[in-house]
Structures are given as C-alpha cells and as structure tokens.
Amino acid sequence: MDLYAEGEKTISELLIETFLESGGTTVGVPPWDRIEWKIWEPGLYEGENFDLVAIGPKWVEGCYCLPNAALKRVTEHLVKPYRNVIVDSPAGLEHLGRATVKGFDVLLCVVDPGAQSIETAERINRLAKYINVKEVLAVGSKVTSSSDERFIEKSASEIGLEVIGMVPFDPEVLKADRMRVAPIDLAPSSPAISAIKNLRDTLKARLGWS
C-alpha cells in the first residue's frame, strides 16, 4: 500500500507543516492540540481491513524526538477504538528507549543467525520489561539451514526468549525489494510468506485475536 498515492501524510510531514512551515508554536495552545486532529484526518489511511498511521522520514536534522513523541501519543490515546494494534518499528532500540510500545501485549524480536543479533535481542528483552511489555518473543529470520535454526533456538533460550517462528531466507523477498513491490504481491506462496502466514496464525491463537 502506497501511503502517498492514497493522498495521506506521515507524522513527520504533519509536524513540518504545523511547526516549521506555519511559523512555529502558538502561544497558549499545547503542541499536541495542534497536531492531533491532523493525525486523524490527513495522517490516517482508512482501509477495508486496517487503518494505518506512518511516522515517515526524519523530521529535521538530529534525532527522531518529536515524531516519536507524537507516535507515543498515538499508541497511548488515539488507538483506543481499535481491537488490535500493530507497530512495525525499525531495527534497534530507539522505540524502546522512547517507550512507543509501552504496555503492549507482545513484542516480536526478529533475530538473524548471528551473535550480534542475539546480543541486540538480549538488550531488547531487558528494556522491554522496563516499559511493561507483557511478553517478548523471538522470530528467526534469514534462516538457511537447520544449523541456523539450532543456533537461534539455543541462543534465544540462553537469554530467556522463546522462539515462536522461523522465516527462511527467500530470494523472492530480495527480488520484490529490488522491484519495489510487496513480497506478498510478487510471490504469495514463497517460503518466507508462507512462514509469516503461519506465524500470524500462531500469534492469533496465542493472543486470542479474531
């Protein structure tokens, strides 16, 4: 789904319009009051089976402070009418440090079959506890062999993580990326897509999602 083609705007774009292009803050008006309605209107894509809000590219030079603060308010307040909420965050720890997923039921930690990835997963697991994420589960990624699977299973167990699924390395995913299309549209039955569908079903059963 192409957000721009649908005529919607990201949180970062709305922040630029509100606080840079319009001349900064307004005395007596809290910043959130100026941006909230825009997230519901030009910032919210309403689809047939899901709605979408995107944080977008970096707002200005420096950190992601303001976009992340806005996203945190979205996850804390604006999502209350929704039965299920999914946040697709970038790799790393920033979303945990800024508590944008505070209090979520489950966090999926995607791990590659390598030591550095496991070390990052350990830090994620530790930080998630501080922001009251109820459960952290590992998902193996770019798996090419049974040896990769064993490494992920053993390493995750040693840091207290349960592995809930394995997604194999799939050339079709790389091909889709180069073509700038969704992998599920290019190859809906590829090994990676099939594994992700199985993961979806496992999560739905585990969390009681309908």
C-alpha atoms as a PDB file:
ATOM      1  CA  MET A   1       0.000   0.000   0.000  1.00  0.00           C
ATOM      2  CA  ASP A   2       1.413   3.357  -1.086  1.00  0.00           C
ATOM      3  CA  LEU A   3       0.521   5.982   1.517  1.00  0.00           C
ATOM      4  CA  TYR A   4       1.466   8.856  -0.777  1.00  0.00           C
ATOM      5  CA  ALA A   5      -0.589   7.505  -3.654  1.00  0.00           C
ATOM      6  CA  GLU A   6      -3.580   7.438  -1.311  1.00  0.00           C
ATOM      7  CA  GLY A   7      -3.110  11.139  -0.569  1.00  0.00           C
ATOM      8  CA  GLU A   8      -2.206  10.680   3.096  1.00  0.00           C
ATOM      9  CA  LYS A   9       0.695  12.228   5.013  1.00  0.00           C
ATOM     10  CA  THR A  10       3.141  10.871   7.561  1.00  0.00           C
ATOM     11  CA  ILE A  11       3.510  12.137  11.131  1.00  0.00           C
ATOM     12  CA  SER A  12       6.825  13.752  10.192  1.00  0.00           C
ATOM     13  CA  GLU A  13       5.247  15.649   7.292  1.00  0.00           C
ATOM     14  CA  LEU A  14       2.415  16.868   9.504  1.00  0.00           C
ATOM     15  CA  LEU A  15       4.922  18.087  12.086  1.00  0.00           C
ATOM     16  CA  ILE A  16       6.838  20.019   9.412  1.00  0.00           C
ATOM     17  CA  GLU A  17       3.645  21.667   8.161  1.00  0.00           C
ATOM     18  CA  THR A  18       2.440  22.503  11.666  1.00  0.00           C
ATOM     19  CA  PHE A  19       5.586  23.703  13.411  1.00  0.00           C
ATOM     20  CA  LEU A  20       8.022  24.776  10.687  1.00  0.00           C
ATOM     21  CA  GLU A  21       6.136  25.971   7.645  1.00  0.00           C
ATOM     22  CA  SER A  22       3.411  27.699   9.698  1.00  0.00           C
ATOM     23  CA  GLY A  23       5.835  29.691  11.839  1.00  0.00           C
ATOM     24  CA  GLY A  24       6.447  27.617  14.960  1.00  0.00           C
ATOM     25  CA  THR A  25       4.386  27.149  18.096  1.00  0.00           C
ATOM     26  CA  THR A  26       1.252  29.051  19.080  1.00  0.00           C
ATOM     27  CA  VAL A  27       1.133  30.770  22.473  1.00  0.00           C
ATOM     28  CA  GLY A  28      -1.420  29.178  24.767  1.00  0.00           C
ATOM     29  CA  VAL A  29      -2.013  26.162  22.524  1.00  0.00           C
ATOM     30  CA  PRO A  30      -0.288  22.897  23.533  1.00  0.00           C
ATOM     31  CA  PRO A  31       1.619  21.360  20.586  1.00  0.00           C
ATOM     32  CA  TRP A  32      -0.387  18.135  20.808  1.00  0.00           C
ATOM     33  CA  ASP A  33      -3.673  20.020  20.396  1.00  0.00           C
ATOM     34  CA  ARG A  34      -2.400  21.405  17.096  1.00  0.00           C
ATOM     35  CA  ILE A  35      -1.322  18.057  15.665  1.00  0.00           C
ATOM     36  CA  GLU A  36      -3.889  15.551  16.992  1.00  0.00           C
ATOM     37  CA  TRP A  37      -6.732  16.323  14.592  1.00  0.00           C
ATOM     38  CA  LYS A  38      -4.330  16.200  11.646  1.00  0.00           C
ATOM     39  CA  ILE A  39      -3.287  12.660  12.541  1.00  0.00           C
ATOM     40  CA  TRP A  40      -6.935  11.634  12.410  1.00  0.00           C
ATOM     41  CA  GLU A  41      -7.581  13.415   9.104  1.00  0.00           C
ATOM     42  CA  PRO A  42      -4.710  13.756   6.553  1.00  0.00           C
ATOM     43  CA  GLY A  43      -2.499  11.377   8.563  1.00  0.00           C
ATOM     44  CA  LEU A  44      -4.810   8.354   8.845  1.00  0.00           C
ATOM     45  CA  TYR A  45      -5.226   5.912   5.971  1.00  0.00           C
ATOM     46  CA  GLU A  46      -8.510   4.018   6.362  1.00  0.00           C
ATOM     47  CA  GLY A  47      -8.504   0.700   4.539  1.00  0.00           C
ATOM     48  CA  GLU A  48     -11.036  -2.090   4.191  1.00  0.00           C
ATOM     49  CA  ASN A  49      -9.461  -4.318   6.846  1.00  0.00           C
ATOM     50  CA  PHE A  50      -6.987  -1.995   8.565  1.00  0.00           C
ATOM     51  CA  ASP A  51      -6.093   1.632   9.217  1.00  0.00           C
ATOM     52  CA  LEU A  52      -2.529   2.948   9.023  1.00  0.00           C
ATOM     53  CA  VAL A  53      -0.513   5.796  10.531  1.00  0.00           C
ATOM     54  CA  ALA A  54       3.127   6.145   9.402  1.00  0.00           C
ATOM     55  CA  ILE A  55       5.881   8.026  11.218  1.00  0.00           C
ATOM     56  CA  GLY A  56       7.728   8.795   7.970  1.00  0.00           C
ATOM     57  CA  PRO A  57      11.290  10.033   7.391  1.00  0.00           C
ATOM     58  CA  LYS A  58      13.264  12.092   9.889  1.00  0.00           C
ATOM     59  CA  TRP A  59      11.644  15.453  10.701  1.00  0.00           C
ATOM     60  CA  VAL A  60      14.757  17.631  10.829  1.00  0.00           C
ATOM     61  CA  GLU A  61      18.472  17.027  11.288  1.00  0.00           C
ATOM     62  CA  GLY A  62      19.144  15.266  14.572  1.00  0.00           C
ATOM     63  CA  CYS A  63      17.056  12.740  16.447  1.00  0.00           C
ATOM     64  CA  TYR A  64      13.557  11.409  15.939  1.00  0.00           C
ATOM     65  CA  CYS A  65      12.385  13.065  19.179  1.00  0.00           C
ATOM     66  CA  LEU A  66       9.244  14.855  18.001  1.00  0.00           C
ATOM     67  CA  PRO A  67       7.957  12.188  15.588  1.00  0.00           C
ATOM     68  CA  ASN A  68       8.480   9.537  18.264  1.00  0.00           C
ATOM     69  CA  ALA A  69       6.734  11.672  20.873  1.00  0.00           C
ATOM     70  CA  ALA A  70       3.766  12.041  18.530  1.00  0.00           C
ATOM     71  CA  LEU A  71       3.748   8.317  17.787  1.00  0.00           C
ATOM     72  CA  LYS A  72       3.790   7.566  21.517  1.00  0.00           C
ATOM     73  CA  ARG A  73       0.711   9.736  21.984  1.00  0.00           C
ATOM     74  CA  VAL A  74      -0.946   7.875  19.121  1.00  0.00           C
ATOM     75  CA  THR A  75      -0.281   4.469  20.700  1.00  0.00           C
ATOM     76  CA  GLU A  76      -1.373   5.686  24.133  1.00  0.00           C
ATOM     77  CA  HIS A  77      -4.537   7.580  23.239  1.00  0.00           C
ATOM     78  CA  LEU A  78      -5.716   7.545  19.646  1.00  0.00           C
ATOM     79  CA  VAL A  79      -5.787   3.773  19.203  1.00  0.00           C
ATOM     80  CA  LYS A  80      -8.370   3.074  21.910  1.00  0.00           C
ATOM     81  CA  PRO A  81     -11.216   2.423  19.415  1.00  0.00           C
ATOM     82  CA  TYR A  82      -9.180  -0.380  17.814  1.00  0.00           C
ATOM     83  CA  ARG A  83      -9.356  -4.013  18.845  1.00  0.00           C
ATOM     84  CA  ASN A  84      -5.807  -4.857  17.736  1.00  0.00           C
ATOM     85  CA  VAL A  85      -2.841  -2.529  17.206  1.00  0.00           C
ATOM     86  CA  ILE A  86       0.421  -3.452  15.442  1.00  0.00           C
ATOM     87  CA  VAL A  87       3.539  -1.258  15.427  1.00  0.00           C
ATOM     88  CA  ASP A  88       6.195  -2.051  12.816  1.00  0.00           C
ATOM     89  CA  SER A  89       9.290  -0.402  14.256  1.00  0.00           C
ATOM     90  CA  PRO A  90      12.765  -0.094  12.731  1.00  0.00           C
ATOM     91  CA  ALA A  91      15.596  -2.309  13.875  1.00  0.00           C
ATOM     92  CA  GLY A  92      17.334  -1.206  17.047  1.00  0.00           C
ATOM     93  CA  LEU A  93      16.462   0.102  20.489  1.00  0.00           C
ATOM     94  CA  GLU A  94      15.179   3.652  19.922  1.00  0.00           C
ATOM     95  CA  HIS A  95      11.478   2.747  20.008  1.00  0.00           C
ATOM     96  CA  LEU A  96      12.041   1.061  23.369  1.00  0.00           C
ATOM     97  CA  GLY A  97      14.040   3.939  24.812  1.00  0.00           C
ATOM     98  CA  ARG A  98      11.222   6.305  23.847  1.00  0.00           C
ATOM     99  CA  ALA A  99       8.559   3.873  25.127  1.00  0.00           C
ATOM    100  CA  THR A 100       6.483   3.991  21.944  1.00  0.00           C
ATOM    101  CA  VAL A 101       5.383   0.395  22.613  1.00  0.00           C
ATOM    102  CA  LYS A 102       4.815   0.836  26.355  1.00  0.00           C
ATOM    103  CA  GLY A 103       2.367  -1.686  27.796  1.00  0.00           C
ATOM    104  CA  PHE A 104       1.958  -3.733  24.598  1.00  0.00           C
ATOM    105  CA  ASP A 105       0.853  -7.363  24.923  1.00  0.00           C
ATOM    106  CA  VAL A 106       3.704  -8.793  22.894  1.00  0.00           C
ATOM    107  CA  LEU A 107       6.879  -7.641  21.151  1.00  0.00           C
ATOM    108  CA  LEU A 108       8.299  -9.714  18.310  1.00  0.00           C
ATOM    109  CA  CYS A 109      12.086  -9.547  18.223  1.00  0.00           C
ATOM    110  CA  VAL A 110      13.428 -10.530  14.796  1.00  0.00           C
ATOM    111  CA  VAL A 111      16.807 -12.241  15.083  1.00  0.00           C
ATOM    112  CA  ASP A 112      19.281 -13.354  12.439  1.00  0.00           C
ATOM    113  CA  PRO A 113      21.518 -16.409  12.985  1.00  0.00           C
ATOM    114  CA  GLY A 114      24.430 -14.312  14.258  1.00  0.00           C
ATOM    115  CA  ALA A 115      25.963 -13.368  17.601  1.00  0.00           C
ATOM    116  CA  GLN A 116      25.435  -9.610  17.215  1.00  0.00           C
ATOM    117  CA  SER A 117      21.743 -10.086  16.520  1.00  0.00           C
ATOM    118  CA  ILE A 118      21.373 -12.211  19.654  1.00  0.00           C
ATOM    119  CA  GLU A 119      23.156  -9.566  21.741  1.00  0.00           C
ATOM    120  CA  THR A 120      20.731  -6.929  20.484  1.00  0.00           C
ATOM    121  CA  ALA A 121      17.811  -9.237  21.265  1.00  0.00           C
ATOM    122  CA  GLU A 122      19.058  -9.591  24.831  1.00  0.00           C
ATOM    123  CA  ARG A 123      19.095  -5.808  25.269  1.00  0.00           C
ATOM    124  CA  ILE A 124      15.641  -5.525  23.721  1.00  0.00           C
ATOM    125  CA  ASN A 125      14.290  -8.166  26.089  1.00  0.00           C
ATOM    126  CA  ARG A 126      15.740  -6.328  29.070  1.00  0.00           C
ATOM    127  CA  LEU A 127      14.477  -2.887  28.018  1.00  0.00           C
ATOM    128  CA  ALA A 128      11.002  -4.202  27.198  1.00  0.00           C
ATOM    129  CA  LYS A 129      10.491  -5.187  30.823  1.00  0.00           C
ATOM    130  CA  TYR A 130      11.060  -1.580  31.934  1.00  0.00           C
ATOM    131  CA  ILE A 131       8.206  -0.310  29.764  1.00  0.00           C
ATOM    132  CA  ASN A 132       5.809  -3.079  30.803  1.00  0.00           C
ATOM    133  CA  VAL A 133       5.710  -5.050  27.564  1.00  0.00           C
ATOM    134  CA  LYS A 134       3.999  -8.223  28.723  1.00  0.00           C
ATOM    135  CA  GLU A 135       5.907 -10.701  26.570  1.00  0.00           C
ATOM    136  CA  VAL A 136       8.884 -10.710  24.194  1.00  0.00           C
ATOM    137  CA  LEU A 137       9.066 -13.483  21.596  1.00  0.00           C
ATOM    138  CA  ALA A 138      11.836 -14.186  19.097  1.00  0.00           C
ATOM    139  CA  VAL A 139      11.342 -14.783  15.381  1.00  0.00           C
ATOM    140  CA  GLY A 140      14.210 -16.319  13.444  1.00  0.00           C
ATOM    141  CA  SER A 141      14.975 -14.549  10.159  1.00  0.00           C
ATOM    142  CA  LYS A 142      17.091 -15.235   7.058  1.00  0.00           C
ATOM    143  CA  VAL A 143      17.408 -18.872   8.085  1.00  0.00           C
ATOM    144  CA  THR A 144      19.221 -21.005   5.515  1.00  0.00           C
ATOM    145  CA  SER A 145      19.781 -24.317   7.314  1.00  0.00           C
ATOM    146  CA  SER A 146      18.903 -26.480  10.299  1.00  0.00           C
ATOM    147  CA  SER A 147      22.175 -25.279  11.811  1.00  0.00           C
ATOM    148  CA  ASP A 148      20.852 -21.705  11.704  1.00  0.00           C
ATOM    149  CA  GLU A 149      17.645 -22.824  13.398  1.00  0.00           C
ATOM    150  CA  ARG A 150      19.540 -24.639  16.159  1.00  0.00           C
ATOM    151  CA  PHE A 151      21.772 -21.614  16.764  1.00  0.00           C
ATOM    152  CA  ILE A 152      18.782 -19.289  17.098  1.00  0.00           C
ATOM    153  CA  GLU A 153      16.845 -21.697  19.333  1.00  0.00           C
ATOM    154  CA  LYS A 154      19.809 -22.307  21.653  1.00  0.00           C
ATOM    155  CA  SER A 155      20.949 -18.683  21.804  1.00  0.00           C
ATOM    156  CA  ALA A 156      17.428 -17.360  22.389  1.00  0.00           C
ATOM    157  CA  SER A 157      16.855 -19.868  25.173  1.00  0.00           C
ATOM    158  CA  GLU A 158      20.052 -18.751  26.897  1.00  0.00           C
ATOM    159  CA  ILE A 159      18.792 -15.158  27.094  1.00  0.00           C
ATOM    160  CA  GLY A 160      15.291 -16.127  28.155  1.00  0.00           C
ATOM    161  CA  LEU A 161      13.463 -15.798  24.842  1.00  0.00           C
ATOM    162  CA  GLU A 162      11.013 -18.230  23.321  1.00  0.00           C
ATOM    163  CA  VAL A 163      11.252 -18.656  19.543  1.00  0.00           C
ATOM    164  CA  ILE A 164       7.775 -18.552  18.075  1.00  0.00           C
ATOM    165  CA  GLY A 165       8.674 -18.968  14.414  1.00  0.00           C
ATOM    166  CA  MET A 166      11.373 -19.181  11.755  1.00  0.00           C
ATOM    167  CA  VAL A 167      11.372 -17.273   8.469  1.00  0.00           C
ATOM    168  CA  PRO A 168      13.754 -18.684   5.853  1.00  0.00           C
ATOM    169  CA  PHE A 169      15.988 -16.643   3.590  1.00  0.00           C
ATOM    170  CA  ASP A 170      13.946 -16.213   0.435  1.00  0.00           C
ATOM    171  CA  PRO A 171      15.303 -14.851  -2.881  1.00  0.00           C
ATOM    172  CA  GLU A 172      11.777 -13.755  -3.774  1.00  0.00           C
ATOM    173  CA  VAL A 173      11.846 -11.212  -0.930  1.00  0.00           C
ATOM    174  CA  LEU A 174      15.074  -9.720  -2.279  1.00  0.00           C
ATOM    175  CA  LYS A 175      13.602  -9.679  -5.775  1.00  0.00           C
ATOM    176  CA  ALA A 176      10.487  -7.881  -4.527  1.00  0.00           C
ATOM    177  CA  ASP A 177      12.616  -5.288  -2.757  1.00  0.00           C
ATOM    178  CA  ARG A 178      14.540  -4.544  -5.943  1.00  0.00           C
ATOM    179  CA  MET A 179      11.280  -4.233  -7.852  1.00  0.00           C
ATOM    180  CA  ARG A 180       9.806  -2.042  -5.086  1.00  0.00           C
ATOM    181  CA  VAL A 181       6.739  -4.219  -4.693  1.00  0.00           C
ATOM    182  CA  ALA A 182       5.330  -6.072  -1.703  1.00  0.00           C
ATOM    183  CA  PRO A 183       6.699  -9.634  -1.437  1.00  0.00           C
ATOM    184  CA  ILE A 184       3.193 -10.982  -0.848  1.00  0.00           C
ATOM    185  CA  ASP A 185       2.072  -9.472  -4.171  1.00  0.00           C
ATOM    186  CA  LEU A 186       5.057 -10.811  -6.106  1.00  0.00           C
ATOM    187  CA  ALA A 187       5.152 -14.315  -4.653  1.00  0.00           C
ATOM    188  CA  PRO A 188       2.251 -15.000  -2.252  1.00  0.00           C
ATOM    189  CA  SER A 189       3.252 -18.651  -1.792  1.00  0.00           C
ATOM    190  CA  SER A 190       7.007 -18.191  -1.394  1.00  0.00           C
ATOM    191  CA  PRO A 191       8.729 -19.854   1.596  1.00  0.00           C
ATOM    192  CA  ALA A 192       9.090 -16.606   3.553  1.00  0.00           C
ATOM    193  CA  ILE A 193       5.493 -15.512   3.011  1.00  0.00           C
ATOM    194  CA  SER A 194       4.215 -18.971   3.960  1.00  0.00           C
ATOM    195  CA  ALA A 195       6.272 -18.874   7.165  1.00  0.00           C
ATOM    196  CA  ILE A 196       4.930 -15.408   8.028  1.00  0.00           C
ATOM    197  CA  LYS A 197       1.360 -16.589   7.468  1.00  0.00           C
ATOM    198  CA  ASN A 198       1.999 -19.486   9.847  1.00  0.00           C
ATOM    199  CA  LEU A 199       3.441 -17.023  12.368  1.00  0.00           C
ATOM    200  CA  ARG A 200       0.315 -14.887  12.035  1.00  0.00           C
ATOM    201  CA  ASP A 201      -1.929 -17.860  12.762  1.00  0.00           C
ATOM    202  CA  THR A 202       0.186 -18.895  15.754  1.00  0.00           C
ATOM    203  CA  LEU A 203       0.022 -15.390  17.214  1.00  0.00           C
ATOM    204  CA  LYS A 204      -3.719 -15.095  16.658  1.00  0.00           C
ATOM    205  CA  ALA A 205      -4.314 -18.344  18.527  1.00  0.00           C
ATOM    206  CA  ARG A 206      -1.907 -17.423  21.311  1.00  0.00           C
ATOM    207  CA  LEU A 207      -3.318 -13.931  21.878  1.00  0.00           C
ATOM    208  CA  GLY A 208      -6.935 -14.778  21.232  1.00  0.00           C
ATOM    209  CA  TRP A 209      -7.220 -12.474  18.242  1.00  0.00           C
ATOM    210  CA  SER A 210     -10.149 -12.938  15.908  1.00  0.00           C
END
